[in-house]
C-alpha atoms as a PDB file:
ATOM      1  CA  MET A   1      -1.637  84.599 -30.082  1.00  0.00           C
ATOM      2  CA  SER A   2       0.481  82.753 -27.503  1.00  0.00           C
ATOM      3  CA  ARG A   3       3.754  81.330 -28.731  1.00  0.00           C
ATOM      4  CA  LEU A   4       4.583  78.889 -26.004  1.00  0.00           C
ATOM      5  CA  SER A   5       2.491  75.721 -25.588  1.00  0.00           C
ATOM      6  CA  THR A   6       0.112  75.771 -22.722  1.00  0.00           C
ATOM      7  CA  ILE A   7      -1.941  72.904 -21.386  1.00  0.00           C
ATOM      8  CA  ASN A   8      -5.621  73.295 -20.489  1.00  0.00           C
ATOM      9  CA  PRO A   9      -5.613  73.721 -16.776  1.00  0.00           C
ATOM     10  CA  GLN A  10      -8.334  71.061 -16.550  1.00  0.00           C
ATOM     11  CA  GLU A  11      -5.978  68.497 -18.050  1.00  0.00           C
ATOM     12  CA  ALA A  12      -2.964  69.198 -15.849  1.00  0.00           C
ATOM     13  CA  THR A  13      -1.517  66.549 -13.675  1.00  0.00           C
ATOM     14  CA  GLY A  14       0.977  66.225 -10.806  1.00  0.00           C
ATOM     15  CA  ALA A  15       2.518  69.377  -9.461  1.00  0.00           C
ATOM     16  CA  THR A  16       1.012  71.545 -12.192  1.00  0.00           C
ATOM     17  CA  ALA A  17      -2.440  70.313 -11.308  1.00  0.00           C
ATOM     18  CA  GLU A  18      -1.867  71.153  -7.679  1.00  0.00           C
ATOM     19  CA  VAL A  19      -0.749  74.647  -8.289  1.00  0.00           C
ATOM     20  CA  PHE A  20      -3.504  75.264 -10.808  1.00  0.00           C
ATOM     21  CA  ALA A  21      -6.089  74.059  -8.316  1.00  0.00           C
ATOM     22  CA  LYS A  22      -4.819  76.556  -5.723  1.00  0.00           C
ATOM     23  CA  ILE A  23      -5.072  79.393  -8.257  1.00  0.00           C
ATOM     24  CA  LYS A  24      -8.475  78.375  -9.389  1.00  0.00           C
ATOM     25  CA  LYS A  25      -9.705  78.217  -5.790  1.00  0.00           C
ATOM     26  CA  ALA A  26      -8.368  81.696  -5.039  1.00  0.00           C
ATOM     27  CA  ALA A  27      -9.144  83.431  -8.313  1.00  0.00           C
ATOM     28  CA  GLY A  28     -11.932  81.438  -9.881  1.00  0.00           C
ATOM     29  CA  LYS A  29      -9.828  80.626 -12.953  1.00  0.00           C
ATOM     30  CA  VAL A  30      -6.225  80.059 -14.012  1.00  0.00           C
ATOM     31  CA  PRO A  31      -5.164  83.193 -15.905  1.00  0.00           C
ATOM     32  CA  ASN A  32      -3.415  82.465 -19.246  1.00  0.00           C
ATOM     33  CA  ALA A  33      -0.105  83.820 -17.989  1.00  0.00           C
ATOM     34  CA  TYR A  34      -0.106  81.476 -15.002  1.00  0.00           C
ATOM     35  CA  ALA A  35      -1.182  78.570 -17.234  1.00  0.00           C
ATOM     36  CA  THR A  36       1.726  79.112 -19.457  1.00  0.00           C
ATOM     37  CA  ILE A  37       4.214  79.471 -16.601  1.00  0.00           C
ATOM     38  CA  GLY A  38       2.813  76.395 -14.823  1.00  0.00           C
ATOM     39  CA  THR A  39       2.814  74.347 -17.972  1.00  0.00           C
ATOM     40  CA  HIS A  40       6.600  74.675 -18.282  1.00  0.00           C
ATOM     41  CA  SER A  41       7.659  75.079 -14.673  1.00  0.00           C
ATOM     42  CA  PRO A  42       5.284  74.528 -11.849  1.00  0.00           C
ATOM     43  CA  ALA A  43       8.191  75.322  -9.484  1.00  0.00           C
ATOM     44  CA  ALA A  44       8.549  78.769 -11.063  1.00  0.00           C
ATOM     45  CA  LEU A  45       4.851  79.406 -10.796  1.00  0.00           C
ATOM     46  CA  GLY A  46       4.912  78.164  -7.144  1.00  0.00           C
ATOM     47  CA  ALA A  47       7.812  80.664  -6.442  1.00  0.00           C
ATOM     48  CA  LEU A  48       5.917  83.491  -8.124  1.00  0.00           C
ATOM     49  CA  LEU A  49       2.830  82.760  -6.057  1.00  0.00           C
ATOM     50  CA  GLY A  50       4.979  82.690  -2.899  1.00  0.00           C
ATOM     51  CA  VAL A  51       6.361  86.137  -3.777  1.00  0.00           C
ATOM     52  CA  GLU A  52       2.808  87.314  -4.345  1.00  0.00           C
ATOM     53  CA  ALA A  53       1.768  85.997  -0.914  1.00  0.00           C
ATOM     54  CA  VAL A  54       4.711  87.887   0.683  1.00  0.00           C
ATOM     55  CA  LEU A  55       3.624  91.026  -1.109  1.00  0.00           C
ATOM     56  CA  ALA A  56       0.012  90.556   0.032  1.00  0.00           C
ATOM     57  CA  SER A  57       1.123  90.484   3.634  1.00  0.00           C
ATOM     58  CA  SER A  58       3.692  93.185   3.244  1.00  0.00           C
ATOM     59  CA  SER A  59       3.502  96.731   4.662  1.00  0.00           C
ATOM     60  CA  LEU A  60       2.623  98.099   1.229  1.00  0.00           C
ATOM     61  CA  ALA A  61      -0.991  99.038   0.453  1.00  0.00           C
ATOM     62  CA  LYS A  62      -2.701  96.982  -2.209  1.00  0.00           C
ATOM     63  CA  SER A  63      -3.012 100.155  -4.269  1.00  0.00           C
ATOM     64  CA  ASP A  64       0.709 100.795  -3.953  1.00  0.00           C
ATOM     65  CA  ILE A  65       1.466  97.281  -5.260  1.00  0.00           C
ATOM     66  CA  GLU A  66      -0.800  97.808  -8.205  1.00  0.00           C
ATOM     67  CA  VAL A  67       0.749 101.239  -8.927  1.00  0.00           C
ATOM     68  CA  ILE A  68       4.156  99.547  -8.956  1.00  0.00           C
ATOM     69  CA  LYS A  69       2.921  96.809 -11.299  1.00  0.00           C
ATOM     70  CA  LEU A  70       1.242  99.301 -13.658  1.00  0.00           C
ATOM     71  CA  ALA A  71       4.307 101.561 -13.804  1.00  0.00           C
ATOM     72  CA  VAL A  72       6.656  98.681 -14.545  1.00  0.00           C
ATOM     73  CA  SER A  73       4.367  97.053 -17.074  1.00  0.00           C
ATOM     74  CA  GLU A  74       4.005 100.352 -18.919  1.00  0.00           C
ATOM     75  CA  VAL A  75       7.786 100.811 -19.135  1.00  0.00           C
ATOM     76  CA  ALA A  76       8.127  97.165 -20.265  1.00  0.00           C
ATOM     77  CA  GLY A  77       5.295  97.442 -22.810  1.00  0.00           C
ATOM     78  CA  CYS A  78       3.498  94.326 -21.470  1.00  0.00           C
ATOM     79  CA  ASP A  79      -0.119  94.523 -22.685  1.00  0.00           C
ATOM     80  CA  TYR A  80      -1.102  91.404 -20.696  1.00  0.00           C
ATOM     81  CA  CYS A  81       0.102  92.741 -17.328  1.00  0.00           C
ATOM     82  CA  LEU A  82      -1.342  96.159 -18.041  1.00  0.00           C
ATOM     83  CA  ALA A  83      -4.717  94.528 -18.644  1.00  0.00           C
ATOM     84  CA  ALA A  84      -4.500  92.355 -15.574  1.00  0.00           C
ATOM     85  CA  HIS A  85      -3.245  95.052 -13.267  1.00  0.00           C
ATOM     86  CA  THR A  86      -5.699  97.687 -14.540  1.00  0.00           C
ATOM     87  CA  LEU A  87      -8.467  95.290 -13.318  1.00  0.00           C
ATOM     88  CA  MET A  88      -6.614  94.636 -10.085  1.00  0.00           C
ATOM     89  CA  GLY A  89      -5.982  98.322  -9.654  1.00  0.00           C
ATOM     90  CA  LYS A  90      -9.720  98.950  -9.930  1.00  0.00           C
ATOM     91  CA  PHE A  91     -10.242  96.342  -7.157  1.00  0.00           C
ATOM     92  CA  ALA A  92      -7.598  98.047  -5.099  1.00  0.00           C
ATOM     93  CA  GLY A  93      -9.527 101.355  -5.328  1.00  0.00           C
ATOM     94  CA  LEU A  94      -7.524 103.125  -8.029  1.00  0.00           C
ATOM     95  CA  SER A  95      -9.516 105.281 -10.465  1.00  0.00           C
ATOM     96  CA  GLN A  96      -9.035 104.901 -14.246  1.00  0.00           C
ATOM     97  CA  ASP A  97      -7.600 108.416 -14.398  1.00  0.00           C
ATOM     98  CA  THR A  98      -5.102 107.685 -11.664  1.00  0.00           C
ATOM     99  CA  MET A  99      -4.018 104.466 -13.370  1.00  0.00           C
ATOM    100  CA  LYS A 100      -3.582 106.343 -16.652  1.00  0.00           C
ATOM    101  CA  GLN A 101      -1.456 109.011 -14.966  1.00  0.00           C
ATOM    102  CA  VAL A 102       0.629 106.292 -13.219  1.00  0.00           C
ATOM    103  CA  ARG A 103       1.232 104.606 -16.554  1.00  0.00           C
ATOM    104  CA  ALA A 104       2.278 107.801 -18.133  1.00  0.00           C
ATOM    105  CA  GLY A 105       4.570 108.755 -15.210  1.00  0.00           C
ATOM    106  CA  ALA A 106       2.414 111.946 -14.730  1.00  0.00           C
ATOM    107  CA  GLU A 107       1.431 113.633 -11.477  1.00  0.00           C
ATOM    108  CA  THR A 108      -1.663 112.109  -9.870  1.00  0.00           C
ATOM    109  CA  GLY A 109      -2.133 114.783  -7.222  1.00  0.00           C
ATOM    110  CA  ASP A 110      -1.092 112.361  -4.498  1.00  0.00           C
ATOM    111  CA  ALA A 111       2.468 113.376  -3.443  1.00  0.00           C
ATOM    112  CA  LYS A 112       3.288 110.048  -1.814  1.00  0.00           C
ATOM    113  CA  ARG A 113       2.021 107.953  -4.823  1.00  0.00           C
ATOM    114  CA  ASP A 114       3.849 110.247  -7.202  1.00  0.00           C
ATOM    115  CA  ALA A 115       7.110 109.809  -5.311  1.00  0.00           C
ATOM    116  CA  LEU A 116       6.574 106.033  -5.530  1.00  0.00           C
ATOM    117  CA  VAL A 117       5.979 106.172  -9.269  1.00  0.00           C
ATOM    118  CA  ARG A 118       9.176 108.297  -9.787  1.00  0.00           C
ATOM    119  CA  PHE A 119      11.144 105.911  -7.693  1.00  0.00           C
ATOM    120  CA  VAL A 120       9.860 102.817  -9.480  1.00  0.00           C
ATOM    121  CA  ARG A 121      10.410 104.358 -12.954  1.00  0.00           C
ATOM    122  CA  THR A 122      13.923 105.306 -11.945  1.00  0.00           C
ATOM    123  CA  LEU A 123      14.653 101.802 -10.889  1.00  0.00           C
ATOM    124  CA  VAL A 124      13.439 100.226 -14.121  1.00  0.00           C
ATOM    125  CA  THR A 125      14.753 102.797 -16.560  1.00  0.00           C
ATOM    126  CA  THR A 126      18.287 103.416 -15.327  1.00  0.00           C
ATOM    127  CA  HIS A 127      21.421 101.337 -14.746  1.00  0.00           C
ATOM    128  CA  GLY A 128      24.047 101.376 -12.007  1.00  0.00           C
ATOM    129  CA  THR A 129      23.712 102.579  -8.528  1.00  0.00           C
ATOM    130  CA  VAL A 130      20.556 104.518  -7.820  1.00  0.00           C
ATOM    131  CA  PRO A 131      21.327 108.142  -6.885  1.00  0.00           C
ATOM    132  CA  ALA A 132      21.000 108.792  -3.093  1.00  0.00           C
ATOM    133  CA  ASP A 133      18.560 111.657  -3.737  1.00  0.00           C
ATOM    134  CA  GLU A 134      16.112 109.206  -5.395  1.00  0.00           C
ATOM    135  CA  LEU A 135      16.125 107.014  -2.300  1.00  0.00           C
ATOM    136  CA  ASP A 136      15.933 110.032  -0.073  1.00  0.00           C
ATOM    137  CA  ALA A 137      12.853 111.384  -1.969  1.00  0.00           C
ATOM    138  CA  VAL A 138      10.865 108.149  -1.634  1.00  0.00           C
ATOM    139  CA  ARG A 139      11.693 107.952   2.049  1.00  0.00           C
ATOM    140  CA  ALA A 140      10.776 111.667   2.503  1.00  0.00           C
ATOM    141  CA  ALA A 141       7.410 110.916   0.932  1.00  0.00           C
ATOM    142  CA  GLY A 142       6.715 108.426   3.745  1.00  0.00           C
ATOM    143  CA  TYR A 143       7.992 105.038   2.622  1.00  0.00           C
ATOM    144  CA  SER A 144      10.077 103.173   5.195  1.00  0.00           C
ATOM    145  CA  GLU A 145      13.263 101.231   4.393  1.00  0.00           C
ATOM    146  CA  GLN A 146      11.188  98.033   4.758  1.00  0.00           C
ATOM    147  CA  GLN A 147       8.765  99.288   2.191  1.00  0.00           C
ATOM    148  CA  VAL A 148      11.642 100.221  -0.194  1.00  0.00           C
ATOM    149  CA  VAL A 149      12.708  96.597  -0.105  1.00  0.00           C
ATOM    150  CA  GLU A 150       9.120  95.476  -0.631  1.00  0.00           C
ATOM    151  CA  VAL A 151       8.779  97.854  -3.605  1.00  0.00           C
ATOM    152  CA  ILE A 152      11.895  96.137  -5.107  1.00  0.00           C
ATOM    153  CA  LEU A 153      10.284  92.719  -4.495  1.00  0.00           C
ATOM    154  CA  ALA A 154       7.103  93.873  -6.274  1.00  0.00           C
ATOM    155  CA  ILE A 155       9.215  95.104  -9.225  1.00  0.00           C
ATOM    156  CA  THR A 156      10.952  91.746  -9.345  1.00  0.00           C
ATOM    157  CA  SER A 157       7.623  89.797  -9.414  1.00  0.00           C
ATOM    158  CA  ILE A 158       6.027  91.939 -12.210  1.00  0.00           C
ATOM    159  CA  THR A 159       9.225  91.925 -14.193  1.00  0.00           C
ATOM    160  CA  PHE A 160       9.090  88.166 -14.369  1.00  0.00           C
ATOM    161  CA  THR A 161       5.526  88.039 -15.576  1.00  0.00           C
ATOM    162  CA  ASN A 162       6.187  90.908 -18.041  1.00  0.00           C
ATOM    163  CA  LEU A 163       9.081  89.008 -19.563  1.00  0.00           C
ATOM    164  CA  VAL A 164       7.150  85.759 -19.850  1.00  0.00           C
ATOM    165  CA  ASN A 165       4.226  87.601 -21.525  1.00  0.00           C
ATOM    166  CA  ARG A 166       6.408  89.519 -23.816  1.00  0.00           C
ATOM    167  CA  VAL A 167       8.134  86.274 -25.035  1.00  0.00           C
ATOM    168  CA  ASN A 168       4.891  84.394 -25.139  1.00  0.00           C
ATOM    169  CA  ASP A 169       2.598  87.139 -26.491  1.00  0.00           C
ATOM    170  CA  THR A 170       0.097  85.822 -24.083  1.00  0.00           C
ATOM    171  CA  THR A 171      -3.475  85.925 -25.214  1.00  0.00           C
ATOM    172  CA  LEU A 172      -5.446  88.481 -23.088  1.00  0.00           C
ATOM    173  CA  ASP A 173      -8.018  86.928 -20.754  1.00  0.00           C
ATOM    174  CA  PHE A 174      -8.727  90.303 -19.066  1.00  0.00           C
ATOM    175  CA  PRO A 175     -10.254  93.374 -20.648  1.00  0.00           C
ATOM    176  CA  ALA A 176      -7.566  95.355 -22.481  1.00  0.00           C
ATOM    177  CA  ALA A 177      -6.221  98.337 -20.631  1.00  0.00           C
ATOM    178  CA  PRO A 178      -7.675 101.629 -21.938  1.00  0.00           C
END
């Protein structure tokens, strides 16, 4: 059960109504996480959507973005984001088995994807300067330096929603992740 107050998107006014209308037009509904963020800070929701637009036009494949979001959400223990990005991962062409392996940090059989998951998990589970060999490994797998920066942006985006949902205990409006 959600802990933070959330207005019904249909009853929103002003800047909140504007951002909710854009989301509803694009996605068909305003997901509970976005409704909560927009209720309290339409500017924060707008910034998040801006980051998501940058990621959508980035050099990363949609499946890579979903792999990043699943890996980070698993480490964070965010059931809401795991549910949302399991659905989005399916739309991006990821199989259920692949998504389960990504979440577990296990080998998927795709060397490039596995290098990405190792790099992402290293970034979110360690502190201090990332060892050079970790960066070298993800570059050797085929990720450019531009993509490394975009990976970090994707981690930033999902970390924000993970934290909001963990604080809020946001009610799932997506099928629970298996």
